[in-house]
Structure formats: structure tokens, C-alpha cells
């Protein structure tokens, strides 16, 4: 089922073309990685989907709803965005309050149950009563993911999820993301995460889509990768 659709979308910032007439569709349940060199437009795509950026030309729809101001609130219940700067999602006195933020309509008992369920799934029960500034980078990343999972979106958007994580926390996060039964859209420079998690890869270069397909076919293709400023994955596949 078609979930997100971009049709002839262009976006510029301060006279710089970031996206140039791109079109693609994402089906519900897909796991997709957006890859490309710095400035290719990966994060811009996520921000356009959620209405954090506007003034684009063309058409963007989420569940057939145009991504325009009157639909932002509804769209943001469908798309949960975990920012690269996860500190911006952790602003309450404790992690428990961060995860519970936005659930006020559920009632106390239901909120408590949902927070505890999320914490168990992410294995962060022991940090619920701590403030974010006392956590490691890996713990903060899991907590910020918890704040989004709590609202039960249909789709998770993750912007460079493994940046700054040590190998252990990277592995933990990858396993959690892999097991999420949701549509997943991930921007990443970590091409091994694309090989391990994603069913489909979209390569962006100079604001255009230059490849779209199976991760093995694209990420192991030297011509595609090197011609677009990317390195081959480090792992053996």
C-alpha cells in the first residue's frame, strides 16, 4: 500500500537547489535507507515529509494527505521523527517524563503502562528516573527513540541513528530498529546499517535520485558508489 509519495518535488534554500524534481513512493511496511554524501538532501527529505520544512514545489502526500499546514498535526501522528541531535528530544527532568510527554490524553495508568512497556522493549528501565545529562550517548539515543515509539506512529524516521555510538551501542540500536514492526526510513552514512536493516536503498546526489533498489545491487556497485562520493560498505556481504 502506498504510504508516502513524492511527485516532482523541488526544494531550494537561499538560492541553493537542495532537491531537484524528485519522485518516489514508499509503501507501508518498507524499510528504506536514504544515502548520499553531505548536502545530498537526505535530511531535507525527512523534514519535508513531516512539515518541518515547507515552500517546496511539486506534491508530497502521506496516506494520500497533502503535506500542507492544515494536515501537519495528523501527519505527525503517523510519522515519528528521531532527530540526529537527540538532545532536542530529551528536555524533561527525567527520561520517564520525556517518554510520557504528549500522552496526557491516555490517563495516568495507561501512560505508566506504555512508558514501562517501551522501557522494557528498549532495555532502558534502569534510566527512567535519570535526567538526560547523566546518560551516555547510547542511552540518550535509545531514550529519544522511546519518546517517539510512545506515540505509536505508523512510520519511524531516523536521521543518522548510529552517529557517535560505540560498536556495542550501535549493535544494540541496529537490532532494535531491525525488529520494529513499522515502516522505517533511515538517513545514514553508515552503509553497513543499510545492508543489515533495509530492504531498499535510495541514493541521492546533487539533489537527484541516482539509484533506487536492492541494497546489495546498489551499495556493492563500485561505479554507483564512487561516482557519487560514497565508499563501499566495510562488512563482507
Protein backbone atom coordinates (compact mmCIF):
# COMPACT_ATOMS: atom_id res chain seq x y z
CA UNK A 1 0.00 0.00 0.00
CA UNK A 2 1.34 3.42 -0.99
CA UNK A 3 2.13 5.35 2.20
CA UNK A 4 4.35 8.29 1.22
CA UNK A 5 4.58 9.79 -2.24
CA UNK A 6 6.87 12.49 -3.65
CA UNK A 7 5.98 13.70 -7.12
CA UNK A 8 8.21 16.18 -8.99
CA UNK A 9 9.40 17.74 -5.73
CA UNK A 10 11.98 20.51 -5.72
CA UNK A 11 13.29 22.48 -2.75
CA UNK A 12 15.78 25.33 -2.56
CA UNK A 13 17.36 27.14 0.37
CA UNK A 14 19.00 30.55 -0.01
CA UNK A 15 19.12 30.09 -3.80
CA UNK A 16 20.80 26.68 -3.45
CA UNK A 17 18.92 23.79 -5.04
CA UNK A 18 18.70 21.00 -2.43
CA UNK A 19 16.21 18.71 -4.19
CA UNK A 20 15.67 18.84 -7.94
CA UNK A 21 12.41 17.41 -9.34
CA UNK A 22 12.48 14.08 -7.48
CA UNK A 23 9.73 11.46 -7.47
CA UNK A 24 9.41 8.22 -5.49
CA UNK A 25 6.91 6.22 -3.46
CA UNK A 26 7.24 4.37 -0.16
CA UNK A 27 4.91 1.52 0.67
CA UNK A 28 3.66 0.76 4.14
CA UNK A 29 5.96 -1.71 5.92
CA UNK A 30 9.06 -0.94 3.86
CA UNK A 31 12.48 -0.38 5.42
CA UNK A 32 14.32 2.23 3.37
CA UNK A 33 17.72 3.86 3.72
CA UNK A 34 18.46 7.24 2.17
CA UNK A 35 22.18 7.55 1.45
CA UNK A 36 24.33 10.21 -0.12
CA UNK A 37 27.24 12.50 0.63
CA UNK A 38 26.89 15.55 2.87
CA UNK A 39 24.43 18.03 1.42
CA UNK A 40 22.78 15.48 -0.88
CA UNK A 41 19.33 16.22 0.56
CA UNK A 42 18.73 13.20 2.83
CA UNK A 43 17.69 15.06 5.97
CA UNK A 44 15.75 17.56 3.88
CA UNK A 45 13.52 14.73 2.64
CA UNK A 46 12.63 13.74 6.21
CA UNK A 47 11.91 17.33 7.18
CA UNK A 48 9.67 17.82 4.15
CA UNK A 49 7.69 14.68 4.96
CA UNK A 50 6.87 15.99 8.42
CA UNK A 51 6.29 19.63 7.51
CA UNK A 52 9.39 20.88 9.32
CA UNK A 53 10.35 22.42 6.00
CA UNK A 54 7.86 23.87 3.56
CA UNK A 55 7.89 26.07 0.46
CA UNK A 56 8.63 23.13 -1.82
CA UNK A 57 7.22 22.71 -5.31
CA UNK A 58 5.56 19.53 -6.52
CA UNK A 59 3.44 17.18 -4.43
CA UNK A 60 4.14 15.29 -1.18
CA UNK A 61 1.45 13.09 0.37
CA UNK A 62 1.31 10.87 3.46
CA UNK A 63 -1.60 8.41 3.38
CA UNK A 64 -2.96 10.49 0.49
CA UNK A 65 -2.93 13.65 2.65
CA UNK A 66 -1.02 16.57 1.13
CA UNK A 67 1.83 17.71 3.37
CA UNK A 68 0.48 21.20 3.97
CA UNK A 69 -0.04 23.20 7.16
CA UNK A 70 -3.64 22.14 7.84
CA UNK A 71 -2.54 18.46 7.86
CA UNK A 72 0.68 18.77 9.90
CA UNK A 73 -0.78 17.60 13.22
CA UNK A 74 -2.34 14.49 11.70
CA UNK A 75 0.76 13.66 9.67
CA UNK A 76 2.96 13.96 12.75
CA UNK A 77 0.90 11.28 14.50
CA UNK A 78 1.73 8.98 11.59
CA UNK A 79 5.42 9.84 11.25
CA UNK A 80 7.70 9.70 14.30
CA UNK A 81 10.96 11.59 13.75
CA UNK A 82 14.08 10.70 15.77
CA UNK A 83 16.46 13.59 15.20
CA UNK A 84 20.20 13.25 14.77
CA UNK A 85 20.53 15.77 17.61
CA UNK A 86 18.69 13.58 20.11
CA UNK A 87 19.26 16.06 22.96
CA UNK A 88 16.49 18.22 21.49
CA UNK A 89 14.00 15.42 22.25
CA UNK A 90 15.09 14.99 25.88
CA UNK A 91 14.14 18.13 27.79
CA UNK A 92 12.11 16.96 30.81
CA UNK A 93 13.59 16.38 34.31
CA UNK A 94 13.62 12.59 33.81
CA UNK A 95 13.58 10.16 30.90
CA UNK A 96 10.28 8.75 32.14
CA UNK A 97 8.72 12.19 31.76
CA UNK A 98 10.29 12.59 28.33
CA UNK A 99 8.73 9.34 27.10
CA UNK A 100 5.38 10.25 28.69
CA UNK A 101 5.39 13.72 27.13
CA UNK A 102 2.50 14.02 24.70
CA UNK A 103 0.49 11.13 26.20
CA UNK A 104 -1.61 13.25 28.57
CA UNK A 105 -4.87 12.14 26.96
CA UNK A 106 -4.31 8.49 27.90
CA UNK A 107 -4.83 8.77 31.66
CA UNK A 108 -2.21 8.11 34.34
CA UNK A 109 -2.41 4.30 34.48
CA UNK A 110 -2.27 3.90 30.71
CA UNK A 111 0.61 6.34 30.43
CA UNK A 112 2.56 4.48 33.10
CA UNK A 113 1.96 1.16 31.41
CA UNK A 114 3.00 2.42 27.99
CA UNK A 115 6.16 4.05 29.32
CA UNK A 116 7.14 0.87 31.16
CA UNK A 117 6.47 -1.27 28.08
CA UNK A 118 8.63 0.98 25.92
CA UNK A 119 11.39 0.98 28.52
CA UNK A 120 11.40 -2.83 28.70
CA UNK A 121 11.50 -3.16 24.92
CA UNK A 122 14.48 -0.79 24.71
CA UNK A 123 16.10 -2.17 27.88
CA UNK A 124 16.25 1.28 29.49
CA UNK A 125 14.15 0.67 32.61
CA UNK A 126 17.13 1.49 34.83
CA UNK A 127 17.46 5.03 33.43
CA UNK A 128 13.81 6.11 33.60
CA UNK A 129 14.33 8.27 36.68
CA UNK A 130 17.54 9.87 35.45
CA UNK A 131 17.94 13.20 33.64
CA UNK A 132 19.32 13.11 30.12
CA UNK A 133 22.57 14.88 31.04
CA UNK A 134 23.60 11.88 33.16
CA UNK A 135 23.25 9.40 30.29
CA UNK A 136 25.73 8.06 27.77
CA UNK A 137 25.26 8.77 24.07
CA UNK A 138 23.85 5.29 23.51
CA UNK A 139 21.36 5.66 26.35
CA UNK A 140 20.23 9.04 25.04
CA UNK A 141 19.71 7.61 21.57
CA UNK A 142 17.53 4.80 22.94
CA UNK A 143 15.61 7.22 25.15
CA UNK A 144 14.92 9.55 22.22
CA UNK A 145 13.67 6.57 20.22
CA UNK A 146 11.43 5.74 23.18
CA UNK A 147 9.85 9.20 23.10
CA UNK A 148 8.76 8.53 19.51
CA UNK A 149 7.66 4.91 19.96
CA UNK A 150 5.42 6.03 22.81
CA UNK A 151 3.12 7.89 20.41
CA UNK A 152 2.79 4.72 18.29
CA UNK A 153 3.40 6.17 14.82
CA UNK A 154 2.99 4.01 11.74
CA UNK A 155 6.39 5.09 10.44
CA UNK A 156 9.70 5.87 12.14
CA UNK A 157 12.08 8.40 10.59
CA UNK A 158 15.66 8.13 11.85
CA UNK A 159 18.26 10.73 10.94
CA UNK A 160 21.78 9.24 11.16
CA UNK A 161 20.85 6.93 14.07
CA UNK A 162 24.29 5.40 14.65
CA UNK A 163 26.32 8.61 14.58
CA UNK A 164 28.53 8.89 17.66
CA UNK A 165 27.74 5.43 19.02
CA UNK A 166 30.39 2.95 20.11
CA UNK A 167 30.30 -0.54 18.50
CA UNK A 168 28.30 -2.09 21.35
CA UNK A 169 25.57 0.55 21.40
CA UNK A 170 25.50 0.61 17.61
CA UNK A 171 24.79 -3.13 17.57
CA UNK A 172 22.07 -2.77 20.23
CA UNK A 173 20.37 0.02 18.31
CA UNK A 174 20.54 -1.82 14.98
CA UNK A 175 18.90 -4.90 16.50
CA UNK A 176 16.11 -2.79 17.99
CA UNK A 177 15.46 -0.93 14.74
CA UNK A 178 15.52 -4.16 12.75
CA UNK A 179 12.81 -5.66 14.96
CA UNK A 180 10.45 -2.67 14.86
CA UNK A 181 7.27 -3.72 13.06
CA UNK A 182 6.83 -0.36 11.34
CA UNK A 183 7.67 1.46 8.16
CA UNK A 184 11.25 2.71 8.61
CA UNK A 185 13.01 5.49 6.73
CA UNK A 186 16.63 5.99 7.72
CA UNK A 187 19.21 8.53 6.58
CA UNK A 188 22.72 7.28 7.14
CA UNK A 189 26.40 7.46 6.26
CA UNK A 190 26.73 4.04 7.95
CA UNK A 191 26.29 1.87 4.87
CA UNK A 192 26.56 -1.32 6.87
CA UNK A 193 23.32 -0.42 8.66
CA UNK A 194 21.72 -0.13 5.23
CA UNK A 195 22.92 -3.63 4.38
CA UNK A 196 21.74 -5.05 7.71
CA UNK A 197 18.34 -3.37 8.08
CA UNK A 198 16.98 -2.02 4.82
CA UNK A 199 15.08 -3.73 2.03
CA UNK A 200 15.64 -0.78 -0.28
CA UNK A 201 18.19 1.98 -0.74
CA UNK A 202 17.70 5.36 -2.38
CA UNK A 203 20.92 7.17 -3.34
CA UNK A 204 20.82 10.96 -3.57
CA UNK A 205 23.41 13.08 -5.33
CA UNK A 206 23.22 16.79 -6.15
CA UNK A 207 19.53 16.84 -5.28
CA UNK A 208 18.57 13.98 -7.57
CA UNK A 209 17.84 10.28 -7.10
CA UNK A 210 20.62 8.41 -8.90
CA UNK A 211 19.79 4.88 -7.73
CA UNK A 212 16.82 3.16 -6.10
CA UNK A 213 16.66 -0.55 -5.39
CA UNK A 214 18.09 -3.54 -3.55
CA UNK A 215 20.91 -2.67 -1.11
CA UNK A 216 23.21 -5.41 -2.42
CA UNK A 217 22.75 -4.31 -6.03
CA UNK A 218 23.44 -0.66 -5.24
CA UNK A 219 25.82 -0.45 -2.28
CA UNK A 220 28.22 -3.06 -3.68
CA UNK A 221 28.30 -1.41 -7.10
CA UNK A 222 31.59 0.50 -7.28
CA UNK A 223 30.50 2.70 -10.17
CA UNK A 224 27.37 3.93 -8.38
CA UNK A 225 29.11 4.45 -5.08
CA UNK A 226 32.37 6.06 -6.12
CA UNK A 227 30.76 8.26 -8.78
CA UNK A 228 28.52 9.74 -6.09
CA UNK A 229 31.13 10.37 -3.42
CA UNK A 230 30.40 7.24 -1.36
CA UNK A 231 32.56 4.41 -0.06
CA UNK A 232 31.65 0.75 -0.26
CA UNK A 233 30.34 -0.88 2.97
CA UNK A 234 33.08 -2.12 5.30
CA UNK A 235 31.50 -5.52 6.01
CA UNK A 236 31.67 -8.59 3.82
CA UNK A 237 28.36 -9.34 2.12
